[in-house]
Amino acid sequence: MNTLTINGADYEPSDEELGLTLMRYLREKRFLRGTKNGCEQGLCGTCTVVVDGKPLRSCRSSVEKNLGKSIITIEGMEYPDGSLHPIQRAFLDSGAVQCGFCTPGMVMSSYALLLREPAPDREAIRKALRGNLCRCTGYQQIVDAVELASRIMREQDLPVEAGCLAHDR
């Protein structure tokens, strides 16, 4: 299969695009610029996307390695009606967004965590986010946001799936 499924839509990269990093492809070819370019070494987590339910540093993985996989970016978290995913809303409500540069990667790592563990404790949240660096918030509000999102989704029986996938149910 020579396609990528990005936020629910299929794309067929050209031969020259196969060698690009997934981050560059998303940003430069698909114009999904929410995936940030922080270090290009896989150390900061700003380029994190979710591939087949798992967080991936898109700056360290080629397009070719991701053919046939389902990729969710921060843009795919929003619901078709324009409303924010509960994780995004919780980041805003908890004051977990300062400059915003790290936020997409933090949200995507949080999303991957909640897909596999809908009710994580604070230690599990910290562990899931350990590869995402933030210079503004001190992490407390970010952990609070993930905890809040988890609680709201469970209490309101909301699906964890990204907004771009919600219309497929």
C-alpha atoms as a PDB file:
ATOM      1  CA  MET A   1       0.000   0.000   0.000  1.00  0.00           C
ATOM      2  CA  ASN A   2       1.497   3.318  -1.088  1.00  0.00           C
ATOM      3  CA  THR A   3      -0.849   5.587   0.828  1.00  0.00           C
ATOM      4  CA  LEU A   4      -0.840   7.451   4.102  1.00  0.00           C
ATOM      5  CA  THR A   5      -4.075   8.040   5.945  1.00  0.00           C
ATOM      6  CA  ILE A   6      -3.769  11.445   7.582  1.00  0.00           C
ATOM      7  CA  ASN A   7      -6.636  12.661   9.743  1.00  0.00           C
ATOM      8  CA  GLY A   8      -8.981  10.239   7.982  1.00  0.00           C
ATOM      9  CA  ALA A   9      -8.006  11.196   4.402  1.00  0.00           C
ATOM     10  CA  ASP A  10      -5.812   9.109   2.102  1.00  0.00           C
ATOM     11  CA  TYR A  11      -2.757  10.528   0.340  1.00  0.00           C
ATOM     12  CA  GLU A  12      -0.349   8.918  -2.094  1.00  0.00           C
ATOM     13  CA  PRO A  13       3.124  10.455  -1.708  1.00  0.00           C
ATOM     14  CA  SER A  14       5.299  10.787  -4.791  1.00  0.00           C
ATOM     15  CA  ASP A  15       8.537   8.826  -5.077  1.00  0.00           C
ATOM     16  CA  GLU A  16      10.526  11.913  -4.092  1.00  0.00           C
ATOM     17  CA  GLU A  17       8.321  12.507  -1.047  1.00  0.00           C
ATOM     18  CA  LEU A  18       8.920   8.991   0.311  1.00  0.00           C
ATOM     19  CA  GLY A  19      12.367  10.016   1.601  1.00  0.00           C
ATOM     20  CA  LEU A  20      11.114  13.079   3.465  1.00  0.00           C
ATOM     21  CA  THR A  21      10.667  12.925   7.189  1.00  0.00           C
ATOM     22  CA  LEU A  22       7.024  12.608   8.123  1.00  0.00           C
ATOM     23  CA  MET A  23       7.281  16.009   9.839  1.00  0.00           C
ATOM     24  CA  ARG A  24       8.469  17.736   6.649  1.00  0.00           C
ATOM     25  CA  TYR A  25       5.828  15.966   4.576  1.00  0.00           C
ATOM     26  CA  LEU A  26       3.054  17.028   6.960  1.00  0.00           C
ATOM     27  CA  ARG A  27       4.269  20.619   7.179  1.00  0.00           C
ATOM     28  CA  GLU A  28       5.506  21.267   3.637  1.00  0.00           C
ATOM     29  CA  LYS A  29       3.381  18.996   1.435  1.00  0.00           C
ATOM     30  CA  ARG A  30       0.107  18.709   3.385  1.00  0.00           C
ATOM     31  CA  PHE A  31       0.367  22.171   5.027  1.00  0.00           C
ATOM     32  CA  LEU A  32      -0.431  20.727   8.469  1.00  0.00           C
ATOM     33  CA  ARG A  33       1.766  23.126  10.367  1.00  0.00           C
ATOM     34  CA  GLY A  34       0.493  22.269  13.830  1.00  0.00           C
ATOM     35  CA  THR A  35       3.170  19.582  13.854  1.00  0.00           C
ATOM     36  CA  LYS A  36       6.093  21.715  15.009  1.00  0.00           C
ATOM     37  CA  ASN A  37       9.763  21.515  14.081  1.00  0.00           C
ATOM     38  CA  GLY A  38      11.614  21.861  17.352  1.00  0.00           C
ATOM     39  CA  CYS A  39      14.916  20.013  17.197  1.00  0.00           C
ATOM     40  CA  GLU A  40      14.796  17.554  14.255  1.00  0.00           C
ATOM     41  CA  GLN A  41      16.531  15.034  16.519  1.00  0.00           C
ATOM     42  CA  GLY A  42      13.533  13.466  18.258  1.00  0.00           C
ATOM     43  CA  LEU A  43      14.426  14.992  21.608  1.00  0.00           C
ATOM     44  CA  CYS A  44      11.818  17.671  22.287  1.00  0.00           C
ATOM     45  CA  GLY A  45       8.497  16.069  21.291  1.00  0.00           C
ATOM     46  CA  THR A  46       7.066  19.090  19.480  1.00  0.00           C
ATOM     47  CA  CYS A  47       6.669  17.028  16.292  1.00  0.00           C
ATOM     48  CA  THR A  48       4.711  14.222  17.971  1.00  0.00           C
ATOM     49  CA  VAL A  49       1.855  12.736  15.968  1.00  0.00           C
ATOM     50  CA  VAL A  50      -0.132   9.567  16.650  1.00  0.00           C
ATOM     51  CA  VAL A  51       0.468   6.692  14.237  1.00  0.00           C
ATOM     52  CA  ASP A  52      -1.764   3.651  14.558  1.00  0.00           C
ATOM     53  CA  GLY A  53      -2.603   4.733  18.110  1.00  0.00           C
ATOM     54  CA  LYS A  54       0.967   5.307  19.278  1.00  0.00           C
ATOM     55  CA  PRO A  55       2.948   8.539  19.676  1.00  0.00           C
ATOM     56  CA  LEU A  56       5.665   9.041  17.071  1.00  0.00           C
ATOM     57  CA  ARG A  57       8.344  11.690  16.687  1.00  0.00           C
ATOM     58  CA  SER A  58       7.639  12.640  13.099  1.00  0.00           C
ATOM     59  CA  CYS A  59      11.043  14.296  12.653  1.00  0.00           C
ATOM     60  CA  ARG A  60      12.774  10.910  12.979  1.00  0.00           C
ATOM     61  CA  SER A  61      10.577   8.772  10.758  1.00  0.00           C
ATOM     62  CA  SER A  62      10.317   8.792   6.977  1.00  0.00           C
ATOM     63  CA  VAL A  63       7.153   8.958   4.934  1.00  0.00           C
ATOM     64  CA  GLU A  64       8.069   5.582   3.443  1.00  0.00           C
ATOM     65  CA  LYS A  65       8.138   3.909   6.886  1.00  0.00           C
ATOM     66  CA  ASN A  66       4.595   5.120   7.524  1.00  0.00           C
ATOM     67  CA  LEU A  67       2.910   3.937   4.329  1.00  0.00           C
ATOM     68  CA  GLY A  68      -0.281   2.045   5.071  1.00  0.00           C
ATOM     69  CA  LYS A  69      -0.609   3.588   8.514  1.00  0.00           C
ATOM     70  CA  SER A  70      -3.174   5.902  10.071  1.00  0.00           C
ATOM     71  CA  ILE A  71      -1.719   9.229  11.215  1.00  0.00           C
ATOM     72  CA  ILE A  72      -3.478  11.758  13.428  1.00  0.00           C
ATOM     73  CA  THR A  73      -2.088  15.272  13.754  1.00  0.00           C
ATOM     74  CA  ILE A  74      -3.253  18.080  16.019  1.00  0.00           C
ATOM     75  CA  GLU A  75      -5.472  19.319  13.168  1.00  0.00           C
ATOM     76  CA  GLY A  76      -7.288  15.976  13.194  1.00  0.00           C
ATOM     77  CA  MET A  77      -8.261  16.319  16.837  1.00  0.00           C
ATOM     78  CA  GLU A  78     -10.905  18.965  16.148  1.00  0.00           C
ATOM     79  CA  TYR A  79     -14.432  17.718  15.486  1.00  0.00           C
ATOM     80  CA  PRO A  80     -16.109  18.209  12.094  1.00  0.00           C
ATOM     81  CA  ASP A  81     -18.317  20.955  13.571  1.00  0.00           C
ATOM     82  CA  GLY A  82     -15.191  22.909  14.612  1.00  0.00           C
ATOM     83  CA  SER A  83     -15.424  22.123  18.315  1.00  0.00           C
ATOM     84  CA  LEU A  84     -12.313  21.154  20.213  1.00  0.00           C
ATOM     85  CA  HIS A  85     -11.530  17.647  21.379  1.00  0.00           C
ATOM     86  CA  PRO A  86     -11.913  17.312  25.187  1.00  0.00           C
ATOM     87  CA  ILE A  87      -8.117  17.078  25.510  1.00  0.00           C
ATOM     88  CA  GLN A  88      -7.667  20.392  23.691  1.00  0.00           C
ATOM     89  CA  ARG A  89     -10.431  22.026  25.758  1.00  0.00           C
ATOM     90  CA  ALA A  90      -8.854  20.726  28.992  1.00  0.00           C
ATOM     91  CA  PHE A  91      -5.470  22.214  28.029  1.00  0.00           C
ATOM     92  CA  LEU A  92      -7.146  25.616  27.645  1.00  0.00           C
ATOM     93  CA  ASP A  93      -9.254  25.287  30.791  1.00  0.00           C
ATOM     94  CA  SER A  94      -6.262  24.201  32.894  1.00  0.00           C
ATOM     95  CA  GLY A  95      -3.948  26.991  31.757  1.00  0.00           C
ATOM     96  CA  ALA A  96      -1.634  24.421  30.164  1.00  0.00           C
ATOM     97  CA  VAL A  97      -0.999  26.603  27.112  1.00  0.00           C
ATOM     98  CA  GLN A  98       1.577  29.338  27.449  1.00  0.00           C
ATOM     99  CA  CYS A  99       3.534  30.122  24.282  1.00  0.00           C
ATOM    100  CA  GLY A 100       1.840  27.151  22.577  1.00  0.00           C
ATOM    101  CA  PHE A 101       4.874  25.786  20.736  1.00  0.00           C
ATOM    102  CA  CYS A 102       4.974  22.485  22.626  1.00  0.00           C
ATOM    103  CA  THR A 103       1.207  22.169  22.966  1.00  0.00           C
ATOM    104  CA  PRO A 104       0.450  20.143  19.802  1.00  0.00           C
ATOM    105  CA  GLY A 105       3.036  17.515  20.761  1.00  0.00           C
ATOM    106  CA  MET A 106       1.766  17.448  24.350  1.00  0.00           C
ATOM    107  CA  VAL A 107      -1.828  17.013  23.185  1.00  0.00           C
ATOM    108  CA  MET A 108      -0.855  14.217  20.809  1.00  0.00           C
ATOM    109  CA  SER A 109       1.141  12.352  23.479  1.00  0.00           C
ATOM    110  CA  SER A 110      -1.810  12.785  25.842  1.00  0.00           C
ATOM    111  CA  TYR A 111      -4.174  11.480  23.186  1.00  0.00           C
ATOM    112  CA  ALA A 112      -2.063   8.353  22.663  1.00  0.00           C
ATOM    113  CA  LEU A 113      -2.012   7.797  26.428  1.00  0.00           C
ATOM    114  CA  LEU A 114      -5.784   8.122  26.807  1.00  0.00           C
ATOM    115  CA  LEU A 115      -6.379   5.785  23.855  1.00  0.00           C
ATOM    116  CA  ARG A 116      -4.603   2.989  25.706  1.00  0.00           C
ATOM    117  CA  GLU A 117      -5.348   4.030  29.295  1.00  0.00           C
ATOM    118  CA  PRO A 118      -8.570   6.038  29.737  1.00  0.00           C
ATOM    119  CA  ALA A 119      -8.043   6.642  33.481  1.00  0.00           C
ATOM    120  CA  PRO A 120      -4.317   7.168  34.033  1.00  0.00           C
ATOM    121  CA  ASP A 121      -2.950   8.292  37.376  1.00  0.00           C
ATOM    122  CA  ARG A 122      -0.651  11.309  37.599  1.00  0.00           C
ATOM    123  CA  GLU A 123       2.469   9.142  37.455  1.00  0.00           C
ATOM    124  CA  ALA A 124       1.290   7.487  34.220  1.00  0.00           C
ATOM    125  CA  ILE A 125       0.576  10.928  32.759  1.00  0.00           C
ATOM    126  CA  ARG A 126       4.044  12.187  33.696  1.00  0.00           C
ATOM    127  CA  LYS A 127       5.615   9.059  32.211  1.00  0.00           C
ATOM    128  CA  ALA A 128       3.676   9.450  28.940  1.00  0.00           C
ATOM    129  CA  LEU A 129       4.773  13.094  28.655  1.00  0.00           C
ATOM    130  CA  ARG A 130       8.398  12.649  29.718  1.00  0.00           C
ATOM    131  CA  GLY A 131       9.656  13.028  26.145  1.00  0.00           C
ATOM    132  CA  ASN A 132       7.809  16.304  25.564  1.00  0.00           C
ATOM    133  CA  LEU A 133       9.664  19.417  26.626  1.00  0.00           C
ATOM    134  CA  CYS A 134       8.020  22.658  27.749  1.00  0.00           C
ATOM    135  CA  ARG A 135       9.854  25.798  28.801  1.00  0.00           C
ATOM    136  CA  CYS A 136       6.854  27.813  29.945  1.00  0.00           C
ATOM    137  CA  THR A 137       4.385  25.951  32.155  1.00  0.00           C
ATOM    138  CA  GLY A 138       6.398  23.873  34.573  1.00  0.00           C
ATOM    139  CA  TYR A 139       4.317  20.804  33.609  1.00  0.00           C
ATOM    140  CA  GLN A 140       1.859  20.953  36.527  1.00  0.00           C
ATOM    141  CA  GLN A 141      -0.920  22.494  34.434  1.00  0.00           C
ATOM    142  CA  ILE A 142      -0.240  20.011  31.627  1.00  0.00           C
ATOM    143  CA  VAL A 143      -0.634  17.029  33.964  1.00  0.00           C
ATOM    144  CA  ASP A 144      -3.759  18.692  35.381  1.00  0.00           C
ATOM    145  CA  ALA A 145      -5.141  19.077  31.838  1.00  0.00           C
ATOM    146  CA  VAL A 146      -4.687  15.406  30.971  1.00  0.00           C
ATOM    147  CA  GLU A 147      -6.273  14.398  34.258  1.00  0.00           C
ATOM    148  CA  LEU A 148      -9.207  16.752  33.593  1.00  0.00           C
ATOM    149  CA  ALA A 149      -9.697  15.472  30.030  1.00  0.00           C
ATOM    150  CA  SER A 150      -9.665  11.885  31.239  1.00  0.00           C
ATOM    151  CA  ARG A 151     -12.234  12.610  33.926  1.00  0.00           C
ATOM    152  CA  ILE A 152     -14.552  14.573  31.604  1.00  0.00           C
ATOM    153  CA  MET A 153     -14.471  11.922  28.887  1.00  0.00           C
ATOM    154  CA  ARG A 154     -15.290   9.176  31.396  1.00  0.00           C
ATOM    155  CA  GLU A 155     -18.000  11.143  33.224  1.00  0.00           C
ATOM    156  CA  GLN A 156     -19.675  12.269  30.003  1.00  0.00           C
ATOM    157  CA  ASP A 157     -19.050   8.944  28.226  1.00  0.00           C
ATOM    158  CA  LEU A 158     -17.223  10.708  25.400  1.00  0.00           C
ATOM    159  CA  PRO A 159     -15.091   8.723  22.971  1.00  0.00           C
ATOM    160  CA  VAL A 160     -11.350   9.301  23.071  1.00  0.00           C
ATOM    161  CA  GLU A 161     -11.073   9.047  19.267  1.00  0.00           C
ATOM    162  CA  ALA A 162      -9.957  12.169  17.453  1.00  0.00           C
ATOM    163  CA  GLY A 163     -12.574  14.392  15.880  1.00  0.00           C
ATOM    164  CA  CYS A 164     -11.560  13.409  12.353  1.00  0.00           C
ATOM    165  CA  LEU A 165     -12.542   9.846  13.226  1.00  0.00           C
ATOM    166  CA  ALA A 166     -15.783  10.756  15.001  1.00  0.00           C
ATOM    167  CA  HIS A 167     -17.833  11.031  11.817  1.00  0.00           C
ATOM    168  CA  ASP A 168     -16.900   7.452  10.871  1.00  0.00           C
ATOM    169  CA  ARG A 169     -18.773   5.960  13.842  1.00  0.00           C
END
